[in-house]
Amino acid sequence: MGVFATAIVMIGAAIGACFGDAIVISKTLEGMTRQPEMAGQLRTTMFIGVGLVESMPILSFVIALLLMNK
């Protein structure tokens, strides 16, 4: 039963990260089209945002493994 719970947690985290990345990237591209002179700064901020969004599945993976081993 623990394996199935771990799989469900990981699926939820992966789907959440996909939606989060899509929103961050689409809003960054929207900002770049509105203000092309800010493209470099927006790109840097986007990479930071994507990194923060991607940390969620990594943390959920670690927590799921810890819970599965108990």
PDB file of N, CA and C in Angstrom:
ATOM      1  N   MET A   1       0.820  -1.194   0.000  1.00  0.00           N
ATOM      2  CA  MET A   1       0.000   0.000   0.000  1.00  0.00           C
ATOM      3  C   MET A   1       0.864   1.258   0.000  1.00  0.00           C
ATOM      4  N   GLY A   2       2.003   1.214   0.648  1.00  0.00           N
ATOM      5  CA  GLY A   2       2.888   2.366   0.704  1.00  0.00           C
ATOM      6  C   GLY A   2       3.440   2.752  -0.657  1.00  0.00           C
ATOM      7  N   VAL A   3       3.661   1.750  -1.504  1.00  0.00           N
ATOM      8  CA  VAL A   3       4.191   2.020  -2.839  1.00  0.00           C
ATOM      9  C   VAL A   3       3.166   2.789  -3.666  1.00  0.00           C
ATOM     10  N   PHE A   4       1.888   2.411  -3.536  1.00  0.00           N
ATOM     11  CA  PHE A   4       0.841   3.106  -4.277  1.00  0.00           C
ATOM     12  C   PHE A   4       0.679   4.543  -3.791  1.00  0.00           C
ATOM     13  N   ALA A   5       0.780   4.747  -2.498  1.00  0.00           N
ATOM     14  CA  ALA A   5       0.692   6.099  -1.952  1.00  0.00           C
ATOM     15  C   ALA A   5       1.864   6.948  -2.440  1.00  0.00           C
ATOM     16  N   THR A   6       3.037   6.356  -2.485  1.00  0.00           N
ATOM     17  CA  THR A   6       4.212   7.067  -2.987  1.00  0.00           C
ATOM     18  C   THR A   6       4.029   7.443  -4.451  1.00  0.00           C
ATOM     19  N   ALA A   7       3.486   6.517  -5.223  1.00  0.00           N
ATOM     20  CA  ALA A   7       3.252   6.797  -6.645  1.00  0.00           C
ATOM     21  C   ALA A   7       2.239   7.926  -6.824  1.00  0.00           C
ATOM     22  N   ILE A   8       1.202   7.939  -6.026  1.00  0.00           N
ATOM     23  CA  ILE A   8       0.189   8.992  -6.125  1.00  0.00           C
ATOM     24  C   ILE A   8       0.784  10.346  -5.751  1.00  0.00           C
ATOM     25  N   VAL A   9       1.592  10.375  -4.711  1.00  0.00           N
ATOM     26  CA  VAL A   9       2.245  11.625  -4.306  1.00  0.00           C
ATOM     27  C   VAL A   9       3.153  12.132  -5.420  1.00  0.00           C
ATOM     28  N   MET A  10       3.914  11.253  -6.028  1.00  0.00           N
ATOM     29  CA  MET A  10       4.834  11.672  -7.082  1.00  0.00           C
ATOM     30  C   MET A  10       4.085  12.141  -8.330  1.00  0.00           C
ATOM     31  N   ILE A  11       2.983  11.479  -8.660  1.00  0.00           N
ATOM     32  CA  ILE A  11       2.193  11.909  -9.811  1.00  0.00           C
ATOM     33  C   ILE A  11       1.625  13.300  -9.570  1.00  0.00           C
ATOM     34  N   GLY A  12       1.107  13.532  -8.378  1.00  0.00           N
ATOM     35  CA  GLY A  12       0.566  14.850  -8.052  1.00  0.00           C
ATOM     36  C   GLY A  12       1.622  15.937  -8.098  1.00  0.00           C
ATOM     37  N   ALA A  13       2.796  15.633  -7.577  1.00  0.00           N
ATOM     38  CA  ALA A  13       3.880  16.615  -7.585  1.00  0.00           C
ATOM     39  C   ALA A  13       4.352  16.902  -9.011  1.00  0.00           C
ATOM     40  N   ALA A  14       4.423  15.874  -9.831  1.00  0.00           N
ATOM     41  CA  ALA A  14       4.867  16.069 -11.214  1.00  0.00           C
ATOM     42  C   ALA A  14       3.855  16.893 -12.002  1.00  0.00           C
ATOM     43  N   ILE A  15       2.578  16.625 -11.818  1.00  0.00           N
ATOM     44  CA  ILE A  15       1.548  17.387 -12.519  1.00  0.00           C
ATOM     45  C   ILE A  15       1.552  18.838 -12.044  1.00  0.00           C
ATOM     46  N   GLY A  16       1.688  19.041 -10.744  1.00  0.00           N
ATOM     47  CA  GLY A  16       1.753  20.400 -10.219  1.00  0.00           C
ATOM     48  C   GLY A  16       2.943  21.165 -10.751  1.00  0.00           C
ATOM     49  N   ALA A  17       4.085  20.496 -10.848  1.00  0.00           N
ATOM     50  CA  ALA A  17       5.282  21.151 -11.377  1.00  0.00           C
ATOM     51  C   ALA A  17       5.125  21.485 -12.856  1.00  0.00           C
ATOM     52  N   CYS A  18       4.475  20.612 -13.604  1.00  0.00           N
ATOM     53  CA  CYS A  18       4.243  20.892 -15.032  1.00  0.00           C
ATOM     54  C   CYS A  18       3.383  22.133 -15.207  1.00  0.00           C
ATOM     55  N   PHE A  19       2.295  22.215 -14.454  1.00  0.00           N
ATOM     56  CA  PHE A  19       1.435  23.393 -14.551  1.00  0.00           C
ATOM     57  C   PHE A  19       2.167  24.650 -14.082  1.00  0.00           C
ATOM     58  N   GLY A  20       2.934  24.531 -13.009  1.00  0.00           N
ATOM     59  CA  GLY A  20       3.690  25.683 -12.522  1.00  0.00           C
ATOM     60  C   GLY A  20       4.718  26.171 -13.524  1.00  0.00           C
ATOM     61  N   ASP A  21       5.445  25.249 -14.128  1.00  0.00           N
ATOM     62  CA  ASP A  21       6.434  25.619 -15.145  1.00  0.00           C
ATOM     63  C   ASP A  21       5.763  26.269 -16.349  1.00  0.00           C
ATOM     64  N   ALA A  22       4.629  25.718 -16.757  1.00  0.00           N
ATOM     65  CA  ALA A  22       3.919  26.273 -17.910  1.00  0.00           C
ATOM     66  C   ALA A  22       3.479  27.708 -17.644  1.00  0.00           C
ATOM     67  N   ILE A  23       2.988  27.962 -16.458  1.00  0.00           N
ATOM     68  CA  ILE A  23       2.541  29.320 -16.124  1.00  0.00           C
ATOM     69  C   ILE A  23       3.721  30.284 -16.069  1.00  0.00           C
ATOM     70  N   VAL A  24       4.804  29.878 -15.414  1.00  0.00           N
ATOM     71  CA  VAL A  24       5.976  30.754 -15.297  1.00  0.00           C
ATOM     72  C   VAL A  24       6.550  31.070 -16.675  1.00  0.00           C
ATOM     73  N   ILE A  25       6.690  30.075 -17.505  1.00  0.00           N
ATOM     74  CA  ILE A  25       7.298  30.285 -18.822  1.00  0.00           C
ATOM     75  C   ILE A  25       6.379  31.097 -19.725  1.00  0.00           C
ATOM     76  N   SER A  26       5.078  30.821 -19.695  1.00  0.00           N
ATOM     77  CA  SER A  26       4.168  31.576 -20.561  1.00  0.00           C
ATOM     78  C   SER A  26       4.108  33.044 -20.158  1.00  0.00           C
ATOM     79  N   LYS A  27       4.104  33.318 -18.868  1.00  0.00           N
ATOM     80  CA  LYS A  27       4.075  34.720 -18.427  1.00  0.00           C
ATOM     81  C   LYS A  27       5.395  35.426 -18.749  1.00  0.00           C
ATOM     82  N   THR A  28       6.498  34.696 -18.703  1.00  0.00           N
ATOM     83  CA  THR A  28       7.782  35.291 -19.064  1.00  0.00           C
ATOM     84  C   THR A  28       7.817  35.639 -20.548  1.00  0.00           C
ATOM     85  N   LEU A  29       7.336  34.725 -21.377  1.00  0.00           N
ATOM     86  CA  LEU A  29       7.295  35.006 -22.813  1.00  0.00           C
ATOM     87  C   LEU A  29       6.351  36.168 -23.121  1.00  0.00           C
ATOM     88  N   GLU A  30       5.259  36.237 -22.395  1.00  0.00           N
ATOM     89  CA  GLU A  30       4.332  37.350 -22.567  1.00  0.00           C
ATOM     90  C   GLU A  30       5.015  38.674 -22.200  1.00  0.00           C
ATOM     91  N   GLY A  31       5.762  38.675 -21.121  1.00  0.00           N
ATOM     92  CA  GLY A  31       6.491  39.873 -20.722  1.00  0.00           C
ATOM     93  C   GLY A  31       7.576  40.246 -21.707  1.00  0.00           C
ATOM     94  N   MET A  32       8.239  39.248 -22.298  1.00  0.00           N
ATOM     95  CA  MET A  32       9.286  39.525 -23.279  1.00  0.00           C
ATOM     96  C   MET A  32       8.702  40.139 -24.557  1.00  0.00           C
ATOM     97  N   THR A  33       7.496  39.705 -24.927  1.00  0.00           N
ATOM     98  CA  THR A  33       6.893  40.288 -26.129  1.00  0.00           C
ATOM     99  C   THR A  33       6.405  41.704 -25.869  1.00  0.00           C
ATOM    100  N   ARG A  34       6.011  41.983 -24.640  1.00  0.00           N
ATOM    101  CA  ARG A  34       5.557  43.344 -24.322  1.00  0.00           C
ATOM    102  C   ARG A  34       6.725  44.310 -24.147  1.00  0.00           C
ATOM    103  N   GLN A  35       7.821  43.843 -23.555  1.00  0.00           N
ATOM    104  CA  GLN A  35       8.991  44.694 -23.327  1.00  0.00           C
ATOM    105  C   GLN A  35      10.264  43.935 -23.716  1.00  0.00           C
ATOM    106  N   PRO A  36      10.615  43.952 -24.991  1.00  0.00           N
ATOM    107  CA  PRO A  36      11.796  43.192 -25.438  1.00  0.00           C
ATOM    108  C   PRO A  36      13.105  43.639 -24.786  1.00  0.00           C
ATOM    109  N   GLU A  37      13.184  44.883 -24.357  1.00  0.00           N
ATOM    110  CA  GLU A  37      14.430  45.356 -23.737  1.00  0.00           C
ATOM    111  C   GLU A  37      14.669  44.732 -22.370  1.00  0.00           C
ATOM    112  N   MET A  38      13.654  44.162 -21.764  1.00  0.00           N
ATOM    113  CA  MET A  38      13.776  43.515 -20.451  1.00  0.00           C
ATOM    114  C   MET A  38      13.974  42.005 -20.567  1.00  0.00           C
ATOM    115  N   ALA A  39      14.216  41.497 -21.759  1.00  0.00           N
ATOM    116  CA  ALA A  39      14.271  40.052 -21.991  1.00  0.00           C
ATOM    117  C   ALA A  39      15.338  39.367 -21.135  1.00  0.00           C
ATOM    118  N   GLY A  40      16.501  39.966 -21.001  1.00  0.00           N
ATOM    119  CA  GLY A  40      17.574  39.347 -20.211  1.00  0.00           C
ATOM    120  C   GLY A  40      17.210  39.209 -18.747  1.00  0.00           C
ATOM    121  N   GLN A  41      16.651  40.265 -18.174  1.00  0.00           N
ATOM    122  CA  GLN A  41      16.265  40.230 -16.766  1.00  0.00           C
ATOM    123  C   GLN A  41      15.086  39.279 -16.543  1.00  0.00           C
ATOM    124  N   LEU A  42      14.137  39.271 -17.487  1.00  0.00           N
ATOM    125  CA  LEU A  42      12.999  38.365 -17.354  1.00  0.00           C
ATOM    126  C   LEU A  42      13.447  36.907 -17.454  1.00  0.00           C
ATOM    127  N   ARG A  43      14.395  36.646 -18.339  1.00  0.00           N
ATOM    128  CA  ARG A  43      14.887  35.273 -18.498  1.00  0.00           C
ATOM    129  C   ARG A  43      15.568  34.784 -17.226  1.00  0.00           C
ATOM    130  N   THR A  44      16.364  35.654 -16.615  1.00  0.00           N
ATOM    131  CA  THR A  44      17.035  35.288 -15.368  1.00  0.00           C
ATOM    132  C   THR A  44      16.021  34.990 -14.269  1.00  0.00           C
ATOM    133  N   THR A  45      15.021  35.851 -14.164  1.00  0.00           N
ATOM    134  CA  THR A  45      13.976  35.651 -13.162  1.00  0.00           C
ATOM    135  C   THR A  45      13.184  34.382 -13.448  1.00  0.00           C
ATOM    136  N   MET A  46      12.963  34.077 -14.741  1.00  0.00           N
ATOM    137  CA  MET A  46      12.240  32.866 -15.107  1.00  0.00           C
ATOM    138  C   MET A  46      13.001  31.623 -14.658  1.00  0.00           C
ATOM    139  N   PHE A  47      14.327  31.614 -14.866  1.00  0.00           N
ATOM    140  CA  PHE A  47      15.102  30.447 -14.455  1.00  0.00           C
ATOM    141  C   PHE A  47      15.054  30.245 -12.946  1.00  0.00           C
ATOM    142  N   ILE A  48      15.059  31.327 -12.196  1.00  0.00           N
ATOM    143  CA  ILE A  48      14.936  31.210 -10.741  1.00  0.00           C
ATOM    144  C   ILE A  48      13.563  30.656 -10.377  1.00  0.00           C
ATOM    145  N   GLY A  49      12.519  31.163 -11.025  1.00  0.00           N
ATOM    146  CA  GLY A  49      11.165  30.681 -10.757  1.00  0.00           C
ATOM    147  C   GLY A  49      10.981  29.219 -11.122  1.00  0.00           C
ATOM    148  N   VAL A  50      11.514  28.818 -12.267  1.00  0.00           N
ATOM    149  CA  VAL A  50      11.408  27.409 -12.678  1.00  0.00           C
ATOM    150  C   VAL A  50      12.167  26.516 -11.706  1.00  0.00           C
ATOM    151  N   GLY A  51      13.304  26.987 -11.240  1.00  0.00           N
ATOM    152  CA  GLY A  51      14.066  26.206 -10.251  1.00  0.00           C
ATOM    153  C   GLY A  51      13.290  26.020  -8.960  1.00  0.00           C
ATOM    154  N   LEU A  52      12.619  27.075  -8.517  1.00  0.00           N
ATOM    155  CA  LEU A  52      11.817  26.965  -7.301  1.00  0.00           C
ATOM    156  C   LEU A  52      10.617  26.045  -7.503  1.00  0.00           C
ATOM    157  N   VAL A  53      10.000  26.117  -8.677  1.00  0.00           N
ATOM    158  CA  VAL A  53       8.859  25.232  -8.961  1.00  0.00           C
ATOM    159  C   VAL A  53       9.318  23.784  -9.027  1.00  0.00           C
ATOM    160  N   GLU A  54      10.477  23.545  -9.626  1.00  0.00           N
ATOM    161  CA  GLU A  54      10.975  22.182  -9.765  1.00  0.00           C
ATOM    162  C   GLU A  54      11.466  21.586  -8.442  1.00  0.00           C
ATOM    163  N   SER A  55      11.680  22.421  -7.441  1.00  0.00           N
ATOM    164  CA  SER A  55      12.098  21.875  -6.147  1.00  0.00           C
ATOM    165  C   SER A  55      10.956  21.128  -5.455  1.00  0.00           C
ATOM    166  N   MET A  56       9.707  21.448  -5.804  1.00  0.00           N
ATOM    167  CA  MET A  56       8.569  20.773  -5.185  1.00  0.00           C
ATOM    168  C   MET A  56       8.546  19.264  -5.464  1.00  0.00           C
ATOM    169  N   PRO A  57       8.702  18.805  -6.714  1.00  0.00           N
ATOM    170  CA  PRO A  57       8.710  17.353  -6.928  1.00  0.00           C
ATOM    171  C   PRO A  57       9.904  16.660  -6.276  1.00  0.00           C
ATOM    172  N   ILE A  58      11.029  17.353  -6.203  1.00  0.00           N
ATOM    173  CA  ILE A  58      12.197  16.753  -5.566  1.00  0.00           C
ATOM    174  C   ILE A  58      11.938  16.553  -4.075  1.00  0.00           C
ATOM    175  N   LEU A  59      11.382  17.582  -3.433  1.00  0.00           N
ATOM    176  CA  LEU A  59      11.060  17.461  -2.008  1.00  0.00           C
ATOM    177  C   LEU A  59       9.984  16.409  -1.763  1.00  0.00           C
ATOM    178  N   SER A  60       8.987  16.343  -2.631  1.00  0.00           N
ATOM    179  CA  SER A  60       7.940  15.330  -2.442  1.00  0.00           C
ATOM    180  C   SER A  60       8.496  13.932  -2.647  1.00  0.00           C
ATOM    181  N   PHE A  61       9.462  13.777  -3.535  1.00  0.00           N
ATOM    182  CA  PHE A  61      10.098  12.484  -3.732  1.00  0.00           C
ATOM    183  C   PHE A  61      10.838  12.042  -2.476  1.00  0.00           C
ATOM    184  N   VAL A  62      11.575  12.966  -1.886  1.00  0.00           N
ATOM    185  CA  VAL A  62      12.318  12.645  -0.666  1.00  0.00           C
ATOM    186  C   VAL A  62      11.358  12.310   0.474  1.00  0.00           C
ATOM    187  N   ILE A  63      10.314  13.100   0.639  1.00  0.00           N
ATOM    188  CA  ILE A  63       9.333  12.838   1.700  1.00  0.00           C
ATOM    189  C   ILE A  63       8.619  11.515   1.473  1.00  0.00           C
ATOM    190  N   ALA A  64       8.274  11.235   0.218  1.00  0.00           N
ATOM    191  CA  ALA A  64       7.596   9.966  -0.093  1.00  0.00           C
ATOM    192  C   ALA A  64       8.504   8.781   0.229  1.00  0.00           C
ATOM    193  N   LEU A  65       9.783   8.890  -0.093  1.00  0.00           N
ATOM    194  CA  LEU A  65      10.698   7.792   0.226  1.00  0.00           C
ATOM    195  C   LEU A  65      10.853   7.614   1.727  1.00  0.00           C
ATOM    196  N   LEU A  66      10.906   8.728   2.451  1.00  0.00           N
ATOM    197  CA  LEU A  66      11.017   8.642   3.910  1.00  0.00           C
ATOM    198  C   LEU A  66       9.779   7.997   4.519  1.00  0.00           C
ATOM    199  N   LEU A  67       8.616   8.361   4.009  1.00  0.00           N
ATOM    200  CA  LEU A  67       7.379   7.781   4.541  1.00  0.00           C
ATOM    201  C   LEU A  67       7.229   6.309   4.152  1.00  0.00           C
ATOM    202  N   MET A  68       7.724   5.966   2.961  1.00  0.00           N
ATOM    203  CA  MET A  68       7.592   4.590   2.515  1.00  0.00           C
ATOM    204  C   MET A  68       8.494   3.656   3.330  1.00  0.00           C
ATOM    205  N   ASN A  69       9.607   4.151   3.810  1.00  0.00           N
ATOM    206  CA  ASN A  69      10.534   3.308   4.560  1.00  0.00           C
ATOM    207  C   ASN A  69      10.187   3.172   6.034  1.00  0.00           C
ATOM    208  N   LYS A  70       9.176   3.873   6.496  1.00  0.00           N
ATOM    209  CA  LYS A  70       8.795   3.767   7.901  1.00  0.00           C
ATOM    210  C   LYS A  70       7.957   2.537   8.148  1.00  0.00           C
TER     211      LYS A  70
END
